[in-house]
Amino acid sequence: QYLFVNNRPVRDKLLLGAVKGAYQGVLEIGRYPLC
């Protein structure tokens, strides 16, 4: 999971949590999407 803010790489908890939340209900627990 690669995230960039104004082209700078980040590992931000808010953004990672949002990605996880967006897949809730369509991805089984313990699995992670790529992005």
PDB file of all heavy atoms in Angstrom:
ATOM      1  N   GLN A   1       0.860  -1.180   0.000  1.00  0.00           N
ATOM      2  CA  GLN A   1       0.000   0.000   0.000  1.00  0.00           C
ATOM      3  C   GLN A   1       0.896   1.229   0.000  1.00  0.00           C
ATOM      4  O   GLN A   1       1.566   1.526   0.995  1.00  0.00           O
ATOM      5  CB  GLN A   1      -0.934  -0.008   1.213  1.00  0.00           C
ATOM      6  CG  GLN A   1      -1.934  -1.158   1.179  1.00  0.00           C
ATOM      7  CD  GLN A   1      -2.902  -1.144   2.344  1.00  0.00           C
ATOM      8  OE1 GLN A   1      -2.771  -0.358   3.288  1.00  0.00           O
ATOM      9  NE2 GLN A   1      -3.899  -2.025   2.296  1.00  0.00           N
ATOM     10  N   TYR A   2       0.925   1.929  -1.120  1.00  0.00           N
ATOM     11  CA  TYR A   2       1.814   3.072  -1.308  1.00  0.00           C
ATOM     12  C   TYR A   2       0.991   4.355  -1.320  1.00  0.00           C
ATOM     13  O   TYR A   2       0.044   4.493  -2.094  1.00  0.00           O
ATOM     14  CB  TYR A   2       2.588   2.940  -2.615  1.00  0.00           C
ATOM     15  CG  TYR A   2       3.500   1.731  -2.660  1.00  0.00           C
ATOM     16  CD1 TYR A   2       3.082   0.540  -3.253  1.00  0.00           C
ATOM     17  CD2 TYR A   2       4.777   1.782  -2.112  1.00  0.00           C
ATOM     18  CE1 TYR A   2       3.914  -0.573  -3.289  1.00  0.00           C
ATOM     19  CE2 TYR A   2       5.612   0.673  -2.150  1.00  0.00           C
ATOM     20  CZ  TYR A   2       5.176  -0.496  -2.740  1.00  0.00           C
ATOM     21  OH  TYR A   2       6.006  -1.590  -2.773  1.00  0.00           O
ATOM     22  N   LEU A   3       1.354   5.281  -0.440  1.00  0.00           N
ATOM     23  CA  LEU A   3       0.624   6.536  -0.300  1.00  0.00           C
ATOM     24  C   LEU A   3       1.582   7.714  -0.477  1.00  0.00           C
ATOM     25  O   LEU A   3       2.717   7.685   0.009  1.00  0.00           O
ATOM     26  CB  LEU A   3      -0.039   6.609   1.079  1.00  0.00           C
ATOM     27  CG  LEU A   3      -0.941   5.428   1.460  1.00  0.00           C
ATOM     28  CD1 LEU A   3      -1.376   5.554   2.913  1.00  0.00           C
ATOM     29  CD2 LEU A   3      -2.159   5.356   0.545  1.00  0.00           C
ATOM     30  N   PHE A   4       1.103   8.751  -1.156  1.00  0.00           N
ATOM     31  CA  PHE A   4       1.941   9.913  -1.441  1.00  0.00           C
ATOM     32  C   PHE A   4       1.134  11.184  -1.209  1.00  0.00           C
ATOM     33  O   PHE A   4       0.010  11.309  -1.698  1.00  0.00           O
ATOM     34  CB  PHE A   4       2.428   9.888  -2.892  1.00  0.00           C
ATOM     35  CG  PHE A   4       3.165   8.626  -3.264  1.00  0.00           C
ATOM     36  CD1 PHE A   4       2.467   7.489  -3.656  1.00  0.00           C
ATOM     37  CD2 PHE A   4       4.545   8.574  -3.199  1.00  0.00           C
ATOM     38  CE1 PHE A   4       3.142   6.315  -3.988  1.00  0.00           C
ATOM     39  CE2 PHE A   4       5.232   7.410  -3.525  1.00  0.00           C
ATOM     40  CZ  PHE A   4       4.528   6.281  -3.918  1.00  0.00           C
ATOM     41  N   VAL A   5       1.697  12.105  -0.457  1.00  0.00           N
ATOM     42  CA  VAL A   5       1.061  13.398  -0.238  1.00  0.00           C
ATOM     43  C   VAL A   5       1.945  14.454  -0.885  1.00  0.00           C
ATOM     44  O   VAL A   5       3.105  14.622  -0.504  1.00  0.00           O
ATOM     45  CB  VAL A   5       0.874  13.689   1.263  1.00  0.00           C
ATOM     46  CG1 VAL A   5       0.351  15.113   1.469  1.00  0.00           C
ATOM     47  CG2 VAL A   5      -0.091  12.679   1.879  1.00  0.00           C
ATOM     48  N   ASN A   6       1.406  15.126  -1.879  1.00  0.00           N
ATOM     49  CA  ASN A   6       2.172  16.091  -2.675  1.00  0.00           C
ATOM     50  C   ASN A   6       3.475  15.472  -3.168  1.00  0.00           C
ATOM     51  O   ASN A   6       4.548  16.073  -3.102  1.00  0.00           O
ATOM     52  CB  ASN A   6       2.417  17.371  -1.890  1.00  0.00           C
ATOM     53  CG  ASN A   6       1.132  18.140  -1.625  1.00  0.00           C
ATOM     54  OD1 ASN A   6       0.103  17.903  -2.275  1.00  0.00           O
ATOM     55  ND2 ASN A   6       1.156  19.047  -0.663  1.00  0.00           N
ATOM     56  N   ASN A   7       3.347  14.231  -3.639  1.00  0.00           N
ATOM     57  CA  ASN A   7       4.430  13.440  -4.248  1.00  0.00           C
ATOM     58  C   ASN A   7       5.477  12.947  -3.250  1.00  0.00           C
ATOM     59  O   ASN A   7       6.513  12.410  -3.648  1.00  0.00           O
ATOM     60  CB  ASN A   7       5.120  14.208  -5.378  1.00  0.00           C
ATOM     61  CG  ASN A   7       5.014  13.489  -6.704  1.00  0.00           C
ATOM     62  OD1 ASN A   7       4.012  12.825  -6.979  1.00  0.00           O
ATOM     63  ND2 ASN A   7       6.024  13.600  -7.534  1.00  0.00           N
ATOM     64  N   ARG A   8       5.209  13.108  -1.964  1.00  0.00           N
ATOM     65  CA  ARG A   8       6.139  12.608  -0.949  1.00  0.00           C
ATOM     66  C   ARG A   8       5.590  11.311  -0.356  1.00  0.00           C
ATOM     67  O   ARG A   8       4.438  11.258   0.078  1.00  0.00           O
ATOM     68  CB  ARG A   8       6.327  13.635   0.171  1.00  0.00           C
ATOM     69  CG  ARG A   8       7.285  13.169   1.286  1.00  0.00           C
ATOM     70  CD  ARG A   8       7.325  14.156   2.414  1.00  0.00           C
ATOM     71  NE  ARG A   8       7.922  15.405   1.984  1.00  0.00           N
ATOM     72  CZ  ARG A   8       9.234  15.652   1.993  1.00  0.00           C
ATOM     73  NH1 ARG A   8      10.072  14.730   2.424  1.00  0.00           N
ATOM     74  NH2 ARG A   8       9.702  16.813   1.593  1.00  0.00           N
ATOM     75  N   PRO A   9       6.398  10.238  -0.317  1.00  0.00           N
ATOM     76  CA  PRO A   9       5.923   8.973   0.253  1.00  0.00           C
ATOM     77  C   PRO A   9       5.617   9.118   1.742  1.00  0.00           C
ATOM     78  O   PRO A   9       6.391   9.719   2.487  1.00  0.00           O
ATOM     79  CB  PRO A   9       7.107   8.016   0.040  1.00  0.00           C
ATOM     80  CG  PRO A   9       7.965   8.666  -1.004  1.00  0.00           C
ATOM     81  CD  PRO A   9       7.773  10.136  -0.836  1.00  0.00           C
ATOM     82  N   VAL A  10       4.475   8.568   2.170  1.00  0.00           N
ATOM     83  CA  VAL A  10       4.099   8.606   3.587  1.00  0.00           C
ATOM     84  C   VAL A  10       3.523   7.247   3.987  1.00  0.00           C
ATOM     85  O   VAL A  10       3.122   6.452   3.141  1.00  0.00           O
ATOM     86  CB  VAL A  10       3.064   9.721   3.889  1.00  0.00           C
ATOM     87  CG1 VAL A  10       3.614  11.089   3.540  1.00  0.00           C
ATOM     88  CG2 VAL A  10       1.756   9.459   3.140  1.00  0.00           C
ATOM     89  N   ARG A  11       3.500   6.993   5.296  1.00  0.00           N
ATOM     90  CA  ARG A  11       2.799   5.834   5.875  1.00  0.00           C
ATOM     91  C   ARG A  11       1.894   6.407   6.961  1.00  0.00           C
ATOM     92  O   ARG A  11       2.198   6.341   8.142  1.00  0.00           O
ATOM     93  CB  ARG A  11       3.796   4.831   6.460  1.00  0.00           C
ATOM     94  CG  ARG A  11       4.646   4.122   5.439  1.00  0.00           C
ATOM     95  CD  ARG A  11       3.850   3.130   4.614  1.00  0.00           C
ATOM     96  NE  ARG A  11       3.350   2.006   5.391  1.00  0.00           N
ATOM     97  CZ  ARG A  11       2.579   1.047   4.873  1.00  0.00           C
ATOM     98  NH1 ARG A  11       2.189   1.112   3.609  1.00  0.00           N
ATOM     99  NH2 ARG A  11       2.167   0.046   5.638  1.00  0.00           N
ATOM    100  N   ASP A  12       0.801   6.974   6.524  1.00  0.00           N
ATOM    101  CA  ASP A  12      -0.065   7.723   7.421  1.00  0.00           C
ATOM    102  C   ASP A  12      -1.218   6.869   7.926  1.00  0.00           C
ATOM    103  O   ASP A  12      -1.916   6.216   7.152  1.00  0.00           O
ATOM    104  CB  ASP A  12      -0.618   8.955   6.678  1.00  0.00           C
ATOM    105  CG  ASP A  12      -1.372   9.880   7.598  1.00  0.00           C
ATOM    106  OD1 ASP A  12      -0.721  10.667   8.301  1.00  0.00           O
ATOM    107  OD2 ASP A  12      -2.614   9.792   7.635  1.00  0.00           O
ATOM    108  N   LYS A  13      -1.422   6.864   9.238  1.00  0.00           N
ATOM    109  CA  LYS A  13      -2.434   6.008   9.851  1.00  0.00           C
ATOM    110  C   LYS A  13      -3.839   6.361   9.394  1.00  0.00           C
ATOM    111  O   LYS A  13      -4.673   5.476   9.173  1.00  0.00           O
ATOM    112  CB  LYS A  13      -2.334   6.102  11.374  1.00  0.00           C
ATOM    113  CG  LYS A  13      -1.031   5.552  11.949  1.00  0.00           C
ATOM    114  CD  LYS A  13      -0.973   5.724  13.453  1.00  0.00           C
ATOM    115  CE  LYS A  13       0.340   5.205  14.023  1.00  0.00           C
ATOM    116  NZ  LYS A  13       0.422   5.406  15.500  1.00  0.00           N
ATOM    117  N   LEU A  14      -4.118   7.652   9.247  1.00  0.00           N
ATOM    118  CA  LEU A  14      -5.449   8.066   8.810  1.00  0.00           C
ATOM    119  C   LEU A  14      -5.756   7.510   7.418  1.00  0.00           C
ATOM    120  O   LEU A  14      -6.836   6.954   7.179  1.00  0.00           O
ATOM    121  CB  LEU A  14      -5.541   9.592   8.778  1.00  0.00           C
ATOM    122  CG  LEU A  14      -6.807  10.167   8.141  1.00  0.00           C
ATOM    123  CD1 LEU A  14      -8.011   9.923   9.037  1.00  0.00           C
ATOM    124  CD2 LEU A  14      -6.655  11.660   7.848  1.00  0.00           C
ATOM    125  N   LEU A  15      -4.812   7.629   6.519  1.00  0.00           N
ATOM    126  CA  LEU A  15      -5.018   7.186   5.143  1.00  0.00           C
ATOM    127  C   LEU A  15      -5.078   5.661   5.054  1.00  0.00           C
ATOM    128  O   LEU A  15      -5.917   5.106   4.337  1.00  0.00           O
ATOM    129  CB  LEU A  15      -3.915   7.732   4.247  1.00  0.00           C
ATOM    130  CG  LEU A  15      -3.781   9.266   4.220  1.00  0.00           C
ATOM    131  CD1 LEU A  15      -2.648   9.687   3.299  1.00  0.00           C
ATOM    132  CD2 LEU A  15      -5.096   9.911   3.784  1.00  0.00           C
ATOM    133  N   LEU A  16      -4.185   4.980   5.777  1.00  0.00           N
ATOM    134  CA  LEU A  16      -4.202   3.519   5.782  1.00  0.00           C
ATOM    135  C   LEU A  16      -5.519   2.988   6.354  1.00  0.00           C
ATOM    136  O   LEU A  16      -6.082   2.014   5.847  1.00  0.00           O
ATOM    137  CB  LEU A  16      -3.019   2.980   6.585  1.00  0.00           C
ATOM    138  CG  LEU A  16      -1.631   3.188   5.965  1.00  0.00           C
ATOM    139  CD1 LEU A  16      -0.539   2.820   6.966  1.00  0.00           C
ATOM    140  CD2 LEU A  16      -1.480   2.367   4.686  1.00  0.00           C
ATOM    141  N   GLY A  17      -6.004   3.644   7.391  1.00  0.00           N
ATOM    142  CA  GLY A  17      -7.272   3.252   7.985  1.00  0.00           C
ATOM    143  C   GLY A  17      -8.441   3.469   7.030  1.00  0.00           C
ATOM    144  O   GLY A  17      -9.382   2.673   6.998  1.00  0.00           O
ATOM    145  N   ALA A  18      -8.368   4.551   6.247  1.00  0.00           N
ATOM    146  CA  ALA A  18      -9.425   4.837   5.290  1.00  0.00           C
ATOM    147  C   ALA A  18      -9.458   3.789   4.183  1.00  0.00           C
ATOM    148  O   ALA A  18     -10.531   3.364   3.739  1.00  0.00           O
ATOM    149  CB  ALA A  18      -9.231   6.230   4.702  1.00  0.00           C
ATOM    150  N   VAL A  19      -8.275   3.372   3.723  1.00  0.00           N
ATOM    151  CA  VAL A  19      -8.208   2.323   2.698  1.00  0.00           C
ATOM    152  C   VAL A  19      -8.838   1.035   3.234  1.00  0.00           C
ATOM    153  O   VAL A  19      -9.640   0.383   2.556  1.00  0.00           O
ATOM    154  CB  VAL A  19      -6.753   2.074   2.257  1.00  0.00           C
ATOM    155  CG1 VAL A  19      -6.665   0.839   1.363  1.00  0.00           C
ATOM    156  CG2 VAL A  19      -6.185   3.292   1.543  1.00  0.00           C
ATOM    157  N   LYS A  20      -8.476   0.683   4.464  1.00  0.00           N
ATOM    158  CA  LYS A  20      -9.038  -0.520   5.084  1.00  0.00           C
ATOM    159  C   LYS A  20     -10.549  -0.414   5.201  1.00  0.00           C
ATOM    160  O   LYS A  20     -11.287  -1.375   4.904  1.00  0.00           O
ATOM    161  CB  LYS A  20      -8.413  -0.725   6.466  1.00  0.00           C
ATOM    162  CG  LYS A  20      -8.898  -1.963   7.200  1.00  0.00           C
ATOM    163  CD  LYS A  20      -8.211  -2.120   8.549  1.00  0.00           C
ATOM    164  CE  LYS A  20      -8.695  -3.360   9.274  1.00  0.00           C
ATOM    165  NZ  LYS A  20      -8.024  -3.505  10.601  1.00  0.00           N
ATOM    166  N   GLY A  21     -11.028   0.741   5.627  1.00  0.00           N
ATOM    167  CA  GLY A  21     -12.461   0.937   5.784  1.00  0.00           C
ATOM    168  C   GLY A  21     -13.216   0.864   4.471  1.00  0.00           C
ATOM    169  O   GLY A  21     -14.351   0.375   4.423  1.00  0.00           O
ATOM    170  N   ALA A  22     -12.590   1.324   3.384  1.00  0.00           N
ATOM    171  CA  ALA A  22     -13.258   1.327   2.084  1.00  0.00           C
ATOM    172  C   ALA A  22     -13.521  -0.091   1.587  1.00  0.00           C
ATOM    173  O   ALA A  22     -14.485  -0.334   0.850  1.00  0.00           O
ATOM    174  CB  ALA A  22     -12.411   2.093   1.069  1.00  0.00           C
ATOM    175  N   TYR A  23     -12.683  -1.039   1.995  1.00  0.00           N
ATOM    176  CA  TYR A  23     -12.824  -2.426   1.562  1.00  0.00           C
ATOM    177  C   TYR A  23     -13.629  -3.276   2.542  1.00  0.00           C
ATOM    178  O   TYR A  23     -13.810  -4.469   2.317  1.00  0.00           O
ATOM    179  CB  TYR A  23     -11.451  -3.064   1.364  1.00  0.00           C
ATOM    180  CG  TYR A  23     -10.801  -2.713   0.051  1.00  0.00           C
ATOM    181  CD1 TYR A  23     -10.114  -1.523  -0.111  1.00  0.00           C
ATOM    182  CD2 TYR A  23     -10.867  -3.585  -1.043  1.00  0.00           C
ATOM    183  CE1 TYR A  23      -9.507  -1.197  -1.321  1.00  0.00           C
ATOM    184  CE2 TYR A  23     -10.270  -3.273  -2.250  1.00  0.00           C
ATOM    185  CZ  TYR A  23      -9.589  -2.078  -2.386  1.00  0.00           C
ATOM    186  OH  TYR A  23      -8.996  -1.753  -3.582  1.00  0.00           O
ATOM    187  N   GLN A  24     -14.096  -2.651   3.614  1.00  0.00           N
ATOM    188  CA  GLN A  24     -14.856  -3.401   4.606  1.00  0.00           C
ATOM    189  C   GLN A  24     -16.105  -4.009   3.965  1.00  0.00           C
ATOM    190  O   GLN A  24     -16.872  -3.326   3.280  1.00  0.00           O
ATOM    191  CB  GLN A  24     -15.268  -2.489   5.769  1.00  0.00           C
ATOM    192  CG  GLN A  24     -15.896  -3.225   6.931  1.00  0.00           C
ATOM    193  CD  GLN A  24     -16.112  -2.299   8.122  1.00  0.00           C
ATOM    194  OE1 GLN A  24     -15.778  -1.127   8.088  1.00  0.00           O
ATOM    195  NE2 GLN A  24     -16.676  -2.851   9.195  1.00  0.00           N
ATOM    196  N   GLY A  25     -16.292  -5.298   4.159  1.00  0.00           N
ATOM    197  CA  GLY A  25     -17.452  -5.970   3.601  1.00  0.00           C
ATOM    198  C   GLY A  25     -17.189  -6.647   2.264  1.00  0.00           C
ATOM    199  O   GLY A  25     -17.984  -7.480   1.821  1.00  0.00           O
ATOM    200  N   VAL A  26     -16.071  -6.290   1.606  1.00  0.00           N
ATOM    201  CA  VAL A  26     -15.751  -6.915   0.319  1.00  0.00           C
ATOM    202  C   VAL A  26     -14.417  -7.655   0.366  1.00  0.00           C
ATOM    203  O   VAL A  26     -14.027  -8.296  -0.610  1.00  0.00           O
ATOM    204  CB  VAL A  26     -15.716  -5.877  -0.826  1.00  0.00           C
ATOM    205  CG1 VAL A  26     -17.082  -5.241  -1.006  1.00  0.00           C
ATOM    206  CG2 VAL A  26     -14.651  -4.812  -0.570  1.00  0.00           C
ATOM    207  N   LEU A  27     -13.727  -7.552   1.510  1.00  0.00           N
ATOM    208  CA  LEU A  27     -12.429  -8.213   1.663  1.00  0.00           C
ATOM    209  C   LEU A  27     -12.402  -8.912   3.015  1.00  0.00           C
ATOM    210  O   LEU A  27     -12.755  -8.317   4.037  1.00  0.00           O
ATOM    211  CB  LEU A  27     -11.303  -7.177   1.582  1.00  0.00           C
ATOM    212  CG  LEU A  27      -9.886  -7.689   1.330  1.00  0.00           C
ATOM    213  CD1 LEU A  27      -9.801  -8.393  -0.021  1.00  0.00           C
ATOM    214  CD2 LEU A  27      -8.895  -6.532   1.354  1.00  0.00           C
ATOM    215  N   GLU A  28     -12.027 -10.162   3.042  1.00  0.00           N
ATOM    216  CA  GLU A  28     -12.052 -10.910   4.288  1.00  0.00           C
ATOM    217  C   GLU A  28     -11.018 -10.383   5.284  1.00  0.00           C
ATOM    218  O   GLU A  28      -9.989  -9.808   4.890  1.00  0.00           O
ATOM    219  CB  GLU A  28     -11.818 -12.392   4.028  1.00  0.00           C
ATOM    220  CG  GLU A  28     -10.495 -12.735   3.376  1.00  0.00           C
ATOM    221  CD  GLU A  28     -10.363 -14.213   3.095  1.00  0.00           C
ATOM    222  OE1 GLU A  28      -9.980 -14.961   4.022  1.00  0.00           O
ATOM    223  OE2 GLU A  28     -10.647 -14.633   1.962  1.00  0.00           O
ATOM    224  N   ILE A  29     -11.272 -10.551   6.556  1.00  0.00           N
ATOM    225  CA  ILE A  29     -10.393 -10.077   7.615  1.00  0.00           C
ATOM    226  C   ILE A  29      -9.014 -10.734   7.489  1.00  0.00           C
ATOM    227  O   ILE A  29      -8.910 -11.936   7.231  1.00  0.00           O
ATOM    228  CB  ILE A  29     -11.008 -10.384   8.995  1.00  0.00           C
ATOM    229  CG1 ILE A  29     -12.324  -9.626   9.160  1.00  0.00           C
ATOM    230  CG2 ILE A  29     -10.032 -10.009  10.113  1.00  0.00           C
ATOM    231  CD1 ILE A  29     -13.057  -9.950  10.443  1.00  0.00           C
ATOM    232  N   GLY A  30      -7.970  -9.928   7.660  1.00  0.00           N
ATOM    233  CA  GLY A  30      -6.617 -10.447   7.563  1.00  0.00           C
ATOM    234  C   GLY A  30      -6.018 -10.344   6.177  1.00  0.00           C
ATOM    235  O   GLY A  30      -4.844 -10.690   5.976  1.00  0.00           O
ATOM    236  N   ARG A  31      -6.797  -9.845   5.205  1.00  0.00           N
ATOM    237  CA  ARG A  31      -6.287  -9.638   3.854  1.00  0.00           C
ATOM    238  C   ARG A  31      -6.259  -8.135   3.557  1.00  0.00           C
ATOM    239  O   ARG A  31      -7.051  -7.369   4.108  1.00  0.00           O
ATOM    240  CB  ARG A  31      -7.163 -10.360   2.828  1.00  0.00           C
ATOM    241  CG  ARG A  31      -7.335 -11.830   3.074  1.00  0.00           C
ATOM    242  CD  ARG A  31      -6.010 -12.581   3.056  1.00  0.00           C
ATOM    243  NE  ARG A  31      -5.357 -12.495   1.735  1.00  0.00           N
ATOM    244  CZ  ARG A  31      -4.206 -13.094   1.456  1.00  0.00           C
ATOM    245  NH1 ARG A  31      -3.586 -13.815   2.392  1.00  0.00           N
ATOM    246  NH2 ARG A  31      -3.677 -12.998   0.251  1.00  0.00           N
ATOM    247  N   TYR A  32      -5.322  -7.717   2.721  1.00  0.00           N
ATOM    248  CA  TYR A  32      -5.124  -6.293   2.447  1.00  0.00           C
ATOM    249  C   TYR A  32      -5.106  -6.022   0.949  1.00  0.00           C
ATOM    250  O   TYR A  32      -4.479  -6.767   0.178  1.00  0.00           O
ATOM    251  CB  TYR A  32      -3.810  -5.818   3.056  1.00  0.00           C
ATOM    252  CG  TYR A  32      -3.747  -5.924   4.558  1.00  0.00           C
ATOM    253  CD1 TYR A  32      -3.410  -7.128   5.169  1.00  0.00           C
ATOM    254  CD2 TYR A  32      -4.042  -4.833   5.364  1.00  0.00           C
ATOM    255  CE1 TYR A  32      -3.367  -7.235   6.549  1.00  0.00           C
ATOM    256  CE2 TYR A  32      -3.992  -4.928   6.749  1.00  0.00           C
ATOM    257  CZ  TYR A  32      -3.648  -6.135   7.335  1.00  0.00           C
ATOM    258  OH  TYR A  32      -3.611  -6.245   8.691  1.00  0.00           O
ATOM    259  N   PRO A  33      -5.751  -4.944   0.511  1.00  0.00           N
ATOM    260  CA  PRO A  33      -5.689  -4.578  -0.903  1.00  0.00           C
ATOM    261  C   PRO A  33      -4.340  -3.959  -1.236  1.00  0.00           C
ATOM    262  O   PRO A  33      -3.623  -3.489  -0.347  1.00  0.00           O
ATOM    263  CB  PRO A  33      -6.810  -3.548  -1.042  1.00  0.00           C
ATOM    264  CG  PRO A  33      -6.863  -2.896   0.313  1.00  0.00           C
ATOM    265  CD  PRO A  33      -6.577  -4.005   1.296  1.00  0.00           C
ATOM    266  N   LEU A  34      -3.993  -3.945  -2.498  1.00  0.00           N
ATOM    267  CA  LEU A  34      -2.806  -3.247  -2.971  1.00  0.00           C
ATOM    268  C   LEU A  34      -3.265  -1.893  -3.497  1.00  0.00           C
ATOM    269  O   LEU A  34      -4.376  -1.766  -4.047  1.00  0.00           O
ATOM    270  CB  LEU A  34      -2.104  -4.017  -4.082  1.00  0.00           C
ATOM    271  CG  LEU A  34      -1.382  -5.320  -3.717  1.00  0.00           C
ATOM    272  CD1 LEU A  34      -2.366  -6.436  -3.379  1.00  0.00           C
ATOM    273  CD2 LEU A  34      -0.472  -5.763  -4.852  1.00  0.00           C
ATOM    274  N   CYS A  35      -2.437  -0.882  -3.351  1.00  0.00           N
ATOM    275  CA  CYS A  35      -2.837   0.424  -3.859  1.00  0.00           C
ATOM    276  C   CYS A  35      -1.636   1.350  -4.003  1.00  0.00           C
ATOM    277  O   CYS A  35      -0.589   1.152  -3.374  1.00  0.00           O
ATOM    278  CB  CYS A  35      -3.882   1.068  -2.946  1.00  0.00           C
ATOM    279  SG  CYS A  35      -3.263   1.528  -1.302  1.00  0.00           S
TER     280      CYS A  35
END
